[in-house]
Amino acid sequence: MDEIPAASQRLIASARELGLPPVELRYFDAGTKTAQDAADAIGCEVAMIVKSLVFMADAEPVLALIPGDLRLDTSKLATVAGAADARRATLEEVRTTTGFVAGGTPPFGHRTSLRVFADKRLDRFPELWVAGGTPSTVFPITYDDLLRVTGALIADLTE
């Protein structure tokens, strides 16, 4: 990859501002849009992939960090967010809220401040992989750093 995509550059700058170690961005031509795609490209367990999912808890956009091998339970997310209902954000809501496209949304560096909720099962691995700002970029992050920079509330969020 000759040039780092603009979205990934914004992410790298955000990581630096948050005091993270330098981002080791990896680029995959075939893409890493799904957790399985990312795990296959990286050569890791799908459970090590963190899905950064934007949902609407009533009218509030929130971010759910979910292990790649599990599915989000929207009723659990609604409960921890104090909402009556939760639904997946539209592609436009994701882009407007985060500044990133769905499938490439990182867990931090968003255009607007979001409440973040992390599933308790993310702690199974000390190192995880997250989206790098585009559907074809990823980077590793430690579990501890992920929680520190996102300020995520840990909860049971999966089916």
C-alpha atoms as a PDB file:
ATOM      1  CA  MET A   1       0.000   0.000   0.000  1.00  0.00           C
ATOM      2  CA  ASP A   2       1.592   3.241  -1.149  1.00  0.00           C
ATOM      3  CA  GLU A   3      -0.589   5.682   0.722  1.00  0.00           C
ATOM      4  CA  ILE A   4      -2.382   5.384   4.028  1.00  0.00           C
ATOM      5  CA  PRO A   5      -6.114   6.075   3.511  1.00  0.00           C
ATOM      6  CA  ALA A   6      -7.319   9.390   4.975  1.00  0.00           C
ATOM      7  CA  ALA A   7      -9.664   7.598   7.403  1.00  0.00           C
ATOM      8  CA  SER A   8      -6.754   5.503   8.698  1.00  0.00           C
ATOM      9  CA  GLN A   9      -4.597   8.630   9.026  1.00  0.00           C
ATOM     10  CA  ARG A  10      -7.287  10.176  11.264  1.00  0.00           C
ATOM     11  CA  LEU A  11      -7.330   6.996  13.347  1.00  0.00           C
ATOM     12  CA  ILE A  12      -3.526   6.974  13.694  1.00  0.00           C
ATOM     13  CA  ALA A  13      -3.578  10.618  14.820  1.00  0.00           C
ATOM     14  CA  SER A  14      -6.299   9.829  17.361  1.00  0.00           C
ATOM     15  CA  ALA A  15      -4.315   6.857  18.701  1.00  0.00           C
ATOM     16  CA  ARG A  16      -1.273   9.091  19.156  1.00  0.00           C
ATOM     17  CA  GLU A  17      -3.377  11.706  21.011  1.00  0.00           C
ATOM     18  CA  LEU A  18      -4.741   8.952  23.282  1.00  0.00           C
ATOM     19  CA  GLY A  19      -1.228   7.816  24.182  1.00  0.00           C
ATOM     20  CA  LEU A  20      -1.342   4.464  22.401  1.00  0.00           C
ATOM     21  CA  PRO A  21       1.792   2.858  21.013  1.00  0.00           C
ATOM     22  CA  PRO A  22       2.270   3.512  17.280  1.00  0.00           C
ATOM     23  CA  VAL A  23      -0.512   1.831  15.292  1.00  0.00           C
ATOM     24  CA  GLU A  24       0.755  -1.154  13.289  1.00  0.00           C
ATOM     25  CA  LEU A  25      -1.740  -0.807  10.462  1.00  0.00           C
ATOM     26  CA  ARG A  26      -2.166  -3.832   8.204  1.00  0.00           C
ATOM     27  CA  TYR A  27      -3.756  -3.559   4.775  1.00  0.00           C
ATOM     28  CA  PHE A  28      -5.500  -6.440   2.990  1.00  0.00           C
ATOM     29  CA  ASP A  29      -6.566  -6.060  -0.649  1.00  0.00           C
ATOM     30  CA  ALA A  30      -9.297  -8.674  -0.237  1.00  0.00           C
ATOM     31  CA  GLY A  31     -10.802  -6.629   2.587  1.00  0.00           C
ATOM     32  CA  THR A  32     -11.564  -7.239   6.252  1.00  0.00           C
ATOM     33  CA  LYS A  33     -15.177  -6.108   6.314  1.00  0.00           C
ATOM     34  CA  THR A  34     -16.460  -9.085   8.341  1.00  0.00           C
ATOM     35  CA  ALA A  35     -14.905 -10.634  11.430  1.00  0.00           C
ATOM     36  CA  GLN A  36     -14.302 -13.868   9.528  1.00  0.00           C
ATOM     37  CA  ASP A  37     -12.679 -11.970   6.635  1.00  0.00           C
ATOM     38  CA  ALA A  38     -10.361 -10.226   9.084  1.00  0.00           C
ATOM     39  CA  ALA A  39      -9.460 -13.422  10.966  1.00  0.00           C
ATOM     40  CA  ASP A  40      -8.728 -15.242   7.696  1.00  0.00           C
ATOM     41  CA  ALA A  41      -6.522 -12.387   6.443  1.00  0.00           C
ATOM     42  CA  ILE A  42      -4.623 -11.986   9.723  1.00  0.00           C
ATOM     43  CA  GLY A  43      -4.390 -15.687  10.509  1.00  0.00           C
ATOM     44  CA  CYS A  44      -5.916 -15.459  13.969  1.00  0.00           C
ATOM     45  CA  GLU A  45      -8.966 -16.822  15.750  1.00  0.00           C
ATOM     46  CA  VAL A  46     -12.195 -15.030  14.850  1.00  0.00           C
ATOM     47  CA  ALA A  47     -12.753 -14.458  18.602  1.00  0.00           C
ATOM     48  CA  MET A  48      -9.717 -12.101  18.545  1.00  0.00           C
ATOM     49  CA  ILE A  49     -11.513  -9.743  16.145  1.00  0.00           C
ATOM     50  CA  VAL A  50     -13.418  -6.897  17.779  1.00  0.00           C
ATOM     51  CA  LYS A  51     -16.554  -5.867  15.946  1.00  0.00           C
ATOM     52  CA  SER A  52     -17.165  -2.138  16.484  1.00  0.00           C
ATOM     53  CA  LEU A  53     -20.918  -1.879  15.934  1.00  0.00           C
ATOM     54  CA  VAL A  54     -22.862   1.364  15.936  1.00  0.00           C
ATOM     55  CA  PHE A  55     -26.413   1.005  17.219  1.00  0.00           C
ATOM     56  CA  MET A  56     -29.163   3.441  18.038  1.00  0.00           C
ATOM     57  CA  ALA A  57     -30.272   3.089  21.663  1.00  0.00           C
ATOM     58  CA  ASP A  58     -33.583   4.853  21.284  1.00  0.00           C
ATOM     59  CA  ALA A  59     -32.330   7.992  19.482  1.00  0.00           C
ATOM     60  CA  GLU A  60     -28.754   7.899  20.848  1.00  0.00           C
ATOM     61  CA  PRO A  61     -25.935   6.384  18.801  1.00  0.00           C
ATOM     62  CA  VAL A  62     -23.800   4.032  20.904  1.00  0.00           C
ATOM     63  CA  LEU A  63     -20.890   1.743  20.117  1.00  0.00           C
ATOM     64  CA  ALA A  64     -20.873  -1.944  21.018  1.00  0.00           C
ATOM     65  CA  LEU A  65     -17.555  -3.828  21.018  1.00  0.00           C
ATOM     66  CA  ILE A  66     -18.271  -7.495  20.411  1.00  0.00           C
ATOM     67  CA  PRO A  67     -15.963 -10.514  19.933  1.00  0.00           C
ATOM     68  CA  GLY A  68     -15.938 -11.713  16.333  1.00  0.00           C
ATOM     69  CA  ASP A  69     -17.240 -15.157  17.215  1.00  0.00           C
ATOM     70  CA  LEU A  70     -20.347 -13.903  19.040  1.00  0.00           C
ATOM     71  CA  ARG A  71     -23.533 -12.038  18.132  1.00  0.00           C
ATOM     72  CA  LEU A  72     -24.829  -8.914  19.838  1.00  0.00           C
ATOM     73  CA  ASP A  73     -28.096  -9.249  21.746  1.00  0.00           C
ATOM     74  CA  THR A  74     -29.913  -5.963  21.061  1.00  0.00           C
ATOM     75  CA  SER A  75     -32.165  -6.311  24.104  1.00  0.00           C
ATOM     76  CA  LYS A  76     -29.110  -6.598  26.373  1.00  0.00           C
ATOM     77  CA  LEU A  77     -27.565  -3.536  24.727  1.00  0.00           C
ATOM     78  CA  ALA A  78     -30.790  -1.566  25.169  1.00  0.00           C
ATOM     79  CA  THR A  79     -30.899  -2.518  28.851  1.00  0.00           C
ATOM     80  CA  VAL A  80     -27.313  -1.465  29.644  1.00  0.00           C
ATOM     81  CA  ALA A  81     -27.787   1.736  27.632  1.00  0.00           C
ATOM     82  CA  GLY A  82     -30.967   2.563  29.561  1.00  0.00           C
ATOM     83  CA  ALA A  83     -33.025   2.533  26.376  1.00  0.00           C
ATOM     84  CA  ALA A  84     -36.371   1.007  25.482  1.00  0.00           C
ATOM     85  CA  ASP A  85     -35.005  -0.361  22.222  1.00  0.00           C
ATOM     86  CA  ALA A  86     -31.789  -0.739  20.231  1.00  0.00           C
ATOM     87  CA  ARG A  87     -31.412  -1.128  16.486  1.00  0.00           C
ATOM     88  CA  ARG A  88     -28.476  -1.281  14.107  1.00  0.00           C
ATOM     89  CA  ALA A  89     -27.567   2.183  12.841  1.00  0.00           C
ATOM     90  CA  THR A  90     -28.019   2.808   9.143  1.00  0.00           C
ATOM     91  CA  LEU A  91     -24.925   3.155   6.976  1.00  0.00           C
ATOM     92  CA  GLU A  92     -25.482   6.907   6.872  1.00  0.00           C
ATOM     93  CA  GLU A  93     -25.903   7.103  10.674  1.00  0.00           C
ATOM     94  CA  VAL A  94     -22.613   5.218  11.099  1.00  0.00           C
ATOM     95  CA  ARG A  95     -20.749   7.548   8.753  1.00  0.00           C
ATOM     96  CA  THR A  96     -22.309  10.726  10.178  1.00  0.00           C
ATOM     97  CA  THR A  97     -21.707   9.709  13.792  1.00  0.00           C
ATOM     98  CA  THR A  98     -18.231   8.203  13.519  1.00  0.00           C
ATOM     99  CA  GLY A  99     -16.717   9.637  10.351  1.00  0.00           C
ATOM    100  CA  PHE A 100     -15.966   6.073   9.229  1.00  0.00           C
ATOM    101  CA  VAL A 101     -17.780   3.581   7.007  1.00  0.00           C
ATOM    102  CA  ALA A 102     -19.470   0.481   8.402  1.00  0.00           C
ATOM    103  CA  GLY A 103     -17.090  -2.457   8.160  1.00  0.00           C
ATOM    104  CA  GLY A 104     -14.134  -0.177   8.842  1.00  0.00           C
ATOM    105  CA  THR A 105     -15.289   1.576  11.999  1.00  0.00           C
ATOM    106  CA  PRO A 106     -12.552   1.578  14.647  1.00  0.00           C
ATOM    107  CA  PRO A 107     -13.343   1.561  18.376  1.00  0.00           C
ATOM    108  CA  PHE A 108     -12.145   5.176  18.881  1.00  0.00           C
ATOM    109  CA  GLY A 109     -11.315   8.326  16.937  1.00  0.00           C
ATOM    110  CA  HIS A 110     -14.909   9.094  16.043  1.00  0.00           C
ATOM    111  CA  ARG A 111     -16.287  12.388  14.811  1.00  0.00           C
ATOM    112  CA  THR A 112     -18.663  12.584  17.784  1.00  0.00           C
ATOM    113  CA  SER A 113     -18.400  11.271  21.318  1.00  0.00           C
ATOM    114  CA  LEU A 114     -20.199   7.968  21.839  1.00  0.00           C
ATOM    115  CA  ARG A 115     -20.970   5.896  24.869  1.00  0.00           C
ATOM    116  CA  VAL A 116     -19.126   2.616  24.417  1.00  0.00           C
ATOM    117  CA  PHE A 117     -20.134  -0.796  25.731  1.00  0.00           C
ATOM    118  CA  ALA A 118     -17.799  -3.815  25.568  1.00  0.00           C
ATOM    119  CA  ASP A 119     -18.859  -7.417  25.883  1.00  0.00           C
ATOM    120  CA  LYS A 120     -17.244  -9.099  28.865  1.00  0.00           C
ATOM    121  CA  ARG A 121     -15.966 -11.960  26.679  1.00  0.00           C
ATOM    122  CA  LEU A 122     -13.410  -9.714  24.954  1.00  0.00           C
ATOM    123  CA  ASP A 123     -11.085 -10.508  27.856  1.00  0.00           C
ATOM    124  CA  ARG A 124     -10.318 -13.998  26.503  1.00  0.00           C
ATOM    125  CA  PHE A 125      -7.237 -12.705  24.653  1.00  0.00           C
ATOM    126  CA  PRO A 126      -4.655 -10.134  25.751  1.00  0.00           C
ATOM    127  CA  GLU A 127      -4.247  -8.919  22.160  1.00  0.00           C
ATOM    128  CA  LEU A 128      -7.171  -8.165  19.884  1.00  0.00           C
ATOM    129  CA  TRP A 129      -7.607  -6.875  16.325  1.00  0.00           C
ATOM    130  CA  VAL A 130      -9.761  -3.891  15.405  1.00  0.00           C
ATOM    131  CA  ALA A 131     -10.756  -2.058  12.222  1.00  0.00           C
ATOM    132  CA  GLY A 132      -8.255   0.506  11.026  1.00  0.00           C
ATOM    133  CA  GLY A 133     -10.674   3.053   9.596  1.00  0.00           C
ATOM    134  CA  THR A 134     -11.470   1.288   6.306  1.00  0.00           C
ATOM    135  CA  PRO A 135     -12.936  -2.108   5.358  1.00  0.00           C
ATOM    136  CA  SER A 136      -9.446  -3.265   4.329  1.00  0.00           C
ATOM    137  CA  THR A 137      -7.318  -2.114   7.279  1.00  0.00           C
ATOM    138  CA  VAL A 138      -6.859  -3.557  10.765  1.00  0.00           C
ATOM    139  CA  PHE A 139      -4.427  -3.220  13.635  1.00  0.00           C
ATOM    140  CA  PRO A 140      -3.657  -5.014  16.900  1.00  0.00           C
ATOM    141  CA  ILE A 141      -4.478  -3.514  20.282  1.00  0.00           C
ATOM    142  CA  THR A 142      -4.240  -4.933  23.769  1.00  0.00           C
ATOM    143  CA  TYR A 143      -7.411  -5.602  25.683  1.00  0.00           C
ATOM    144  CA  ASP A 144      -6.282  -3.192  28.414  1.00  0.00           C
ATOM    145  CA  ASP A 145      -5.528  -0.389  25.934  1.00  0.00           C
ATOM    146  CA  LEU A 146      -8.866  -0.961  24.189  1.00  0.00           C
ATOM    147  CA  LEU A 147     -10.753  -0.466  27.434  1.00  0.00           C
ATOM    148  CA  ARG A 148      -8.608   2.480  28.486  1.00  0.00           C
ATOM    149  CA  VAL A 149      -8.998   4.506  25.287  1.00  0.00           C
ATOM    150  CA  THR A 150     -12.686   3.773  24.749  1.00  0.00           C
ATOM    151  CA  GLY A 151     -13.812   4.129  28.347  1.00  0.00           C
ATOM    152  CA  ALA A 152     -16.122   1.209  27.622  1.00  0.00           C
ATOM    153  CA  LEU A 153     -18.579  -0.097  30.161  1.00  0.00           C
ATOM    154  CA  ILE A 154     -18.089  -3.862  30.370  1.00  0.00           C
ATOM    155  CA  ALA A 155     -21.315  -5.862  30.204  1.00  0.00           C
ATOM    156  CA  ASP A 156     -22.878  -9.088  28.989  1.00  0.00           C
ATOM    157  CA  LEU A 157     -23.972  -8.040  25.499  1.00  0.00           C
ATOM    158  CA  THR A 158     -24.040 -11.252  23.478  1.00  0.00           C
ATOM    159  CA  GLU A 159     -26.585 -13.966  22.733  1.00  0.00           C
END
